[in-house]
Protein backbone atom coordinates (compact mmCIF):
# COMPACT_ATOMS: atom_id res chain seq x y z
CA MET A 1 103.51 145.73 96.92
CA ALA A 2 106.28 145.40 99.40
CA PHE A 3 109.22 145.83 96.69
CA LEU A 4 108.93 148.90 94.00
CA THR A 5 110.52 149.08 91.17
CA THR A 6 111.14 151.74 88.41
CA ARG A 7 107.94 150.77 86.51
CA ALA A 8 106.03 151.28 89.94
CA PHE A 9 107.80 155.14 90.31
CA GLN A 10 106.40 156.12 86.73
CA ASP A 11 103.05 154.32 86.68
CA GLY A 12 102.73 156.07 90.16
CA PRO A 13 100.06 158.79 91.10
CA ARG A 14 100.97 162.58 90.55
CA PRO A 15 101.63 164.14 94.06
CA ASP A 16 98.72 166.18 95.52
CA PRO A 17 98.26 169.73 95.46
CA ILE A 18 99.24 169.89 99.33
CA TYR A 19 102.34 167.95 98.38
CA ALA A 20 103.49 170.00 95.87
CA LEU A 21 102.56 173.44 97.68
CA VAL A 22 105.00 172.09 100.24
CA THR A 23 107.62 171.09 97.88
CA GLY A 24 107.46 174.17 96.34
CA LEU A 25 107.79 176.16 99.94
CA TYR A 26 110.53 174.06 100.69
CA ALA A 27 112.39 174.98 97.33
CA CYS A 28 111.24 178.95 97.98
CA ALA A 29 113.13 178.35 101.39
CA LEU A 30 116.46 177.68 99.54
CA LEU A 31 116.45 179.82 97.00
CA ILE A 32 114.90 183.08 97.84
CA PRO A 33 117.26 183.49 101.06
CA LEU A 34 120.35 182.92 98.55
CA GLY A 35 119.06 185.32 96.09
CA SER A 36 118.35 187.99 98.89
CA ILE A 37 121.71 187.56 100.26
CA VAL A 38 122.92 188.31 96.91
CA LEU A 39 120.80 190.73 95.90
CA ALA A 40 121.33 192.70 99.43
CA GLY A 41 125.02 193.50 98.24
CA PHE A 42 123.65 195.24 95.06
CA LEU A 43 120.58 196.26 95.62
CA THR A 44 120.11 199.10 98.38
CA ASP A 45 116.32 200.42 97.78
CA ALA A 46 114.20 199.03 100.30
CA VAL A 47 110.78 199.20 98.38
CA LEU A 48 112.44 198.13 94.97
CA PHE A 49 114.56 194.74 96.63
CA THR A 50 111.46 193.95 98.72
CA LEU A 51 109.11 193.65 95.66
CA VAL A 52 111.83 191.83 93.45
CA VAL A 53 111.81 188.93 96.88
CA VAL A 54 108.04 189.15 96.91
CA THR A 55 107.84 188.22 93.17
CA ALA A 56 110.25 185.70 92.99
CA THR A 57 108.86 184.32 96.02
CA THR A 58 105.73 183.74 94.24
CA VAL A 59 107.43 182.69 90.85
CA VAL A 60 109.25 179.54 92.71
CA ILE A 61 106.30 178.63 94.86
CA THR A 62 104.34 178.70 91.71
CA VAL A 63 106.36 177.41 88.98
CA VAL A 64 108.14 174.60 91.15
CA SER A 65 104.54 173.37 92.65
CA VAL A 66 103.15 172.86 88.95
CA ALA A 67 106.20 170.79 87.87
CA VAL A 68 105.82 168.67 90.85
CA VAL A 69 102.13 168.13 90.06
CA TYR A 70 103.13 166.23 86.63
CA ILE A 71 106.05 164.46 87.73
CA PRO A 72 104.21 160.76 88.65
CA GLY A 73 105.35 158.86 91.10
CA LEU A 74 107.89 161.73 92.60
CA ALA A 75 106.57 161.21 96.14
CA ILE A 76 106.78 158.11 96.23
CA GLU A 77 110.84 157.83 94.96
CA ILE A 78 111.70 160.11 97.26
CA GLY A 79 110.29 157.91 100.22
CA TYR A 80 112.10 154.80 98.69
CA SER A 81 115.21 156.30 98.82
CA GLY A 82 117.20 155.98 101.54
CA LEU A 83 119.03 159.44 100.61
CA SER A 84 115.37 161.24 101.66
CA TRP A 85 116.66 162.30 104.49
CA THR A 86 119.68 164.70 103.00
CA LEU A 87 116.29 167.30 101.78
CA CYS A 88 116.75 167.98 105.63
CA VAL A 89 120.66 168.69 106.21
CA VAL A 90 120.76 170.55 102.40
CA PRO A 91 119.91 174.10 103.86
CA MET A 92 122.37 173.54 106.87
CA VAL A 93 125.27 172.76 104.42
CA VAL A 94 123.88 175.18 102.07
CA PHE A 95 123.51 178.56 104.17
CA ILE A 96 126.51 177.56 106.46
CA LEU A 97 128.88 178.91 103.64
CA PRO A 98 127.55 182.14 103.62
CA ILE A 99 127.77 182.51 107.38
CA VAL A 100 131.34 182.03 107.39
CA GLY A 101 131.55 184.34 104.35
CA ALA A 102 129.74 187.20 106.32
CA ILE A 103 132.11 186.40 109.53
CA ALA A 104 135.04 186.44 107.04
CA GLY A 105 134.02 189.69 105.72
CA ILE A 106 133.99 188.60 101.46
CA VAL A 107 130.29 187.96 101.72
CA PRO A 108 128.69 191.15 100.10
CA GLY A 109 125.90 192.78 101.96
CA SER A 110 125.76 193.92 105.55
CA PHE A 111 126.61 191.00 108.19
CA ASP A 112 123.28 191.07 109.90
CA SER A 113 121.31 190.85 106.42
CA VAL A 114 123.03 187.80 105.63
CA ILE A 115 123.11 186.29 109.01
CA GLY A 116 119.24 186.91 109.06
CA TRP A 117 118.43 185.38 105.72
CA SER A 118 121.03 182.75 106.01
CA LEU A 119 119.20 181.84 109.26
CA LEU A 120 115.99 182.09 107.97
CA GLY A 121 116.69 179.38 104.79
CA ILE A 122 117.94 177.09 107.83
CA VAL A 123 114.80 177.01 109.77
CA ALA A 124 112.15 177.41 107.14
CA GLY A 125 114.65 174.83 104.97
CA GLY A 126 114.96 172.10 107.52
CA PHE A 127 111.09 172.67 108.56
CA PHE A 128 109.83 172.19 104.90
CA GLY A 129 112.50 169.57 104.30
CA GLY A 130 111.18 167.57 106.81
CA LEU A 131 107.57 168.11 105.91
CA VAL A 132 108.63 166.72 102.38
CA VAL A 133 110.92 163.52 104.01
CA ALA A 134 107.46 162.90 106.41
CA MET A 135 104.85 163.17 103.71
CA SER A 136 106.96 161.18 100.98
CA TRP A 137 107.76 158.01 103.64
CA THR A 138 104.09 158.16 104.33
CA ARG A 139 102.85 157.83 100.68
CA CYS A 140 105.21 155.71 99.94
CA ALA A 141 104.10 153.30 102.72
CA ASN A 142 101.08 153.73 101.89
CA ALA A 143 101.91 152.43 98.38
CA GLN A 144 104.01 149.71 99.40
CA LEU A 145 100.89 148.38 102.09
CA SER A 146 98.20 148.66 99.07
CA ASP A 147 98.09 145.21 99.37
CA ALA A 148 99.09 143.82 102.59
CA ILE A 149 97.14 141.66 105.21
CA ASP A 150 97.33 143.70 108.73
CA LEU A 151 98.36 141.29 111.58
CA THR A 152 98.28 143.16 114.34
CA GLU A 153 99.83 145.95 115.89
CA GLY A 154 101.19 147.84 119.49
CA GLU A 155 102.71 150.84 120.31
CA ALA A 156 106.85 150.64 120.85
CA TRP A 157 109.50 152.89 122.33
CA LEU A 158 113.37 153.74 121.41
CA PRO A 159 115.45 151.56 124.10
CA ARG A 160 116.24 153.55 126.99
CA ARG A 161 119.88 154.61 126.09
CA HIS A 162 118.82 156.04 122.86
CA ARG A 163 115.81 158.08 124.37
CA ARG A 164 118.46 159.88 126.97
CA ILE A 165 120.74 160.34 123.99
CA VAL A 166 117.51 162.59 122.56
CA ASP A 167 116.89 164.10 125.15
CA ALA A 168 120.53 164.91 125.93
CA ILE A 169 120.29 166.54 122.57
CA GLY A 170 117.62 168.57 122.82
CA ILE A 171 119.21 169.97 126.62
CA VAL A 172 122.14 171.01 124.88
CA GLY A 173 120.52 173.19 122.22
CA GLY A 174 119.51 175.12 125.49
CA VAL A 175 122.47 175.01 127.16
CA GLY A 176 124.61 176.27 123.56
CA LEU A 177 121.94 179.16 123.00
CA THR A 178 122.10 180.04 126.49
CA LEU A 179 126.06 179.61 126.33
CA GLY A 180 126.35 181.75 122.93
CA GLU A 181 124.40 184.48 124.22
CA ILE A 182 126.22 184.99 127.42
CA ALA A 183 129.80 184.46 125.65
CA GLU A 184 129.21 187.33 123.21
CA GLY A 185 127.10 190.05 125.56
CA LEU A 186 129.51 189.45 128.65
CA PHE A 187 132.62 188.66 126.74
CA GLY A 188 132.95 190.03 123.16
CA TYR A 189 133.18 186.51 121.56
CA GLU A 190 131.75 187.65 118.21
CA GLY A 191 129.55 185.10 116.59
CA SER A 192 129.29 182.98 119.68
CA TYR A 193 125.45 183.79 119.83
CA LEU A 194 124.62 182.67 116.32
CA LEU A 195 126.79 179.17 116.61
CA GLY A 196 124.32 178.93 119.32
CA GLN A 197 121.33 179.27 117.26
CA VAL A 198 122.73 176.79 114.90
CA ILE A 199 123.52 174.85 117.74
CA LEU A 200 119.57 174.75 118.66
CA VAL A 201 118.12 174.59 115.38
CA VAL A 202 120.19 171.33 114.79
CA ALA A 203 119.41 169.87 118.55
CA VAL A 204 115.33 170.22 117.90
CA THR A 205 115.52 169.14 114.35
CA VAL A 206 117.23 166.00 115.39
CA HIS A 207 114.72 165.76 118.91
CA ILE A 208 112.12 166.38 116.63
CA SER A 209 112.93 163.91 114.16
CA CYS A 210 113.18 161.03 116.76
CA PRO A 211 110.10 160.61 118.74
CA HIS A 212 110.14 158.04 121.68
CA GLY A 213 106.90 156.20 120.97
CA ARG A 214 105.39 154.86 117.48
CA THR A 215 102.88 152.54 116.56
CA TYR A 216 103.98 149.93 114.93
CA ARG A 217 101.72 147.48 112.37
CA VAL A 218 102.50 143.85 111.52
CA SER A 219 101.19 143.24 108.19
CA ASP A 220 102.49 140.24 105.82
CA ALA A 221 104.53 142.65 104.01
CA GLY A 222 106.86 144.10 106.52
CA LEU A 223 106.54 146.37 109.23
CA ALA A 224 105.07 150.06 109.63
CA ALA A 225 105.70 152.59 111.82
CA GLU A 226 102.96 155.17 112.74
CA ARG A 227 103.64 158.20 114.68
CA GLY A 228 100.56 161.05 113.77
CA PHE A 229 100.28 161.67 110.20
CA VAL A 230 104.00 160.36 109.29
CA ARG A 231 104.16 156.62 108.21
CA ARG A 232 107.35 154.77 106.97
CA PHE A 233 107.73 151.29 105.82
CA ARG A 234 110.17 148.70 106.62
CA PRO A 235 110.38 145.61 104.68
CA TRP A 236 111.66 142.35 106.82
CA SER A 237 114.72 142.20 104.85
CA THR A 238 115.45 145.47 107.00
CA PHE A 239 115.37 143.25 109.93
CA THR A 240 117.87 140.64 110.91
CA GLY A 241 115.42 138.45 113.87
CA TYR A 242 113.27 139.38 117.39
CA THR A 243 113.89 138.45 120.73
CA HIS A 244 110.67 138.02 123.16
CA ALA A 245 112.41 138.80 126.69
CA GLU A 246 109.68 138.28 129.44
CA ASP A 247 109.07 142.03 129.87
CA ALA A 248 109.47 143.67 126.26
CA LEU A 249 109.74 142.16 122.83
CA TYR A 250 112.84 143.32 120.71
CA LEU A 251 113.46 144.14 116.90
CA HIS A 252 116.89 143.94 115.49
CA THR A 253 117.11 145.83 112.65
CA ALA A 254 120.11 144.86 109.90
CA GLN A 255 121.85 148.70 109.76
CA TRP A 256 124.18 149.16 112.42
CA TRP A 257 123.01 153.13 112.31
CA ARG A 258 119.28 152.03 113.08
CA PRO A 259 118.28 151.35 116.77
CA THR A 260 116.78 148.23 118.13
CA ILE A 261 112.92 148.65 118.36
CA ARG A 262 111.68 147.86 121.52
CA CYS A 263 108.24 147.57 122.33
CA ASP A 264 106.80 146.50 126.58
CA THR A 265 104.86 143.55 125.95
CA ASP A 266 102.37 144.76 128.33
CA GLU A 267 101.75 147.37 126.11
CA ILE A 268 100.82 144.96 123.37
CA ASP A 269 97.52 143.11 122.80
CA GLU A 270 97.66 139.41 122.10
CA ILE A 271 101.26 139.20 122.22
CA ASP A 272 101.07 135.94 121.50
CA ARG A 273 99.72 136.38 117.69
CA VAL A 274 102.44 139.20 117.37
CA THR A 275 105.25 136.70 117.74
CA ASP A 276 103.39 134.41 115.91
CA ALA A 277 103.62 136.86 112.57
CA LEU A 278 106.84 137.29 113.25
CA SER A 279 108.26 134.29 113.37
CA THR A 280 106.59 133.81 109.97
CA HIS A 281 109.08 136.21 108.52
CA LEU A 282 111.68 136.80 111.38
CA PRO A 283 114.43 133.94 113.38
CA VAL A 284 114.02 134.43 116.93
CA LEU A 285 117.40 135.76 118.28
CA ASP A 286 119.06 135.03 121.65
CA ARG A 287 120.50 138.06 122.32
């Protein structure tokens, strides 16, 4: 099933309990910190505040998880959407506003409380958002490959230039946190350490989401990329062609923002079988 339709989403399987629970945790990571920031400005009793937060956490996780279970094809639809990655970005966008408000002094509640809950929302929301996206990709790929015929597989790596960029982003995150702490501790620039923490979270998220190596499975329906428990499917229409060089095999993507997939030929078993399979669906490009 290389292409999915609205009918396929509606008739798709209901999300499993684990997927529903992770989705509930994602909703909790967004709603509870926001609610806590608002409550902290009005509710001064620590015991009552804790009781309200714990109760609200339980209710949100339960309601969202149960609701997700009863939506057929939800995981497949999210995985199929080209905007699924926004689930990882939403926490950053949502909680930057309270942080800016706290720095400007216009958000009710103490500065430390607002910053603490906001950072919790960014980290937890980004983590569970990434899990929801990864699980959605995997379930969508499984649905699309349910009737596909596997031809071969091989280990592939990002081009060297992209690997260096990903590594550099990780280094920038660590340096940003260190410089932020120094700027605030030694020179008194308020908010510098907080900015360093935000930079670190973004850098780590990018670094984790761009692994250097993946296993690629070639099928008659398209290409499946796997790493650990995550699987993502790309139909042949998302590629413009391939190049078979002496030391590597390149798959050229149709979208400008997607990097070229590079496989070292010495890491691929039966390279002739791979090129024969690719030739059936993609043209050979001289690049």
